[in-house]
Amino acid sequence: MTATLEAPAGSEKTEVGAVPSFEVTIKLRRYNPESEHGEDAYWEEYTVLAHGTDRVLDALHKIKWEHDGSLTFRRSCAHGICGSDAMRINGRNRLACKTLLKDVNPDKPITVEPIKGLPVIKDLVVDMEPFFASYREIMPFLITSGNEPSKERLQSAEQRERFDDTTKCILCAACTSSCPVFWTDGQYFGPAAIVNAHRFIFDSRDDGATQRLEILNDKEGVWRCRTTFNCTEACPRGIEITKAIQEVKRAMITRAF
């Protein structure tokens, strides 16, 4: 006789050693300008069988592979490194590949929708071009002067530590699309662009800090931040984004005087 484990209410019984499974309902925000709904977005629910170790991304895969192949979303590494699967899950910006179903109250429908502030192309896919346009504008590369060096540019551990936190950005746009200023002002650079500017402004090897600070001193630049901490809470890499923005503001004032 095969022994079984008692699973939580609503779950199926499984053999000893197996991972208990349970049903979870995913409420998706769907959008396809070519469908019968036209330009209107709408909600659609799917119920799938999941396990305690499953993430939201696993549930989306099951919906696409087993229920509706037209569902569209971005994903790549599925390990929280590429940042391509940022979306709003139960009203909060998260990476689908890092969010466990059991951690977002699976007893109720889990809402999944595209990140805010960027044009929706289809379902959970948004147009990232405005986001990357701001990123390119702050010149996210090392700027140096003088002759080509004959050896690598060195810096101390202390110098590296000064900007180490902001090197963790994976350009997922979770922070920028959680910012209420960005939602209402499409010209605002947004937290991610400022974070990546910070990474070079405080790099001891870089000579372009003044140029970047001039760019961020624009009316749609760093001063648009209202310090609501939404960006810091949304960051899947734990970057202290609001702190970095304040440091850029202080650098701007210090250099001005």
Foldseek 3Di string as FASTA:
>chain_A
DFDWDDDPPQWDIDTPPDFTKHKFKAWFFWADCPDPVHGDIDIDIDIDIGGQADFQVVVVVCCCVPPNVVADADDDPLPPQQLRQWWQKQNATARRSPHGCVVRPRVDHIYTAAQALFDANTGNDGDCVLLVVLLVVLPLDAAADDDDDPDDDDDDPVLCVQLVLLVRDNSNCRLFSQAPLSRVDVLASGLNSLSSSLNHLSRPRGDCNVVSLVVQVDPNHLVSDPLPCSSQVRDPSNRSRSVSSVVSVVVSVVVVD
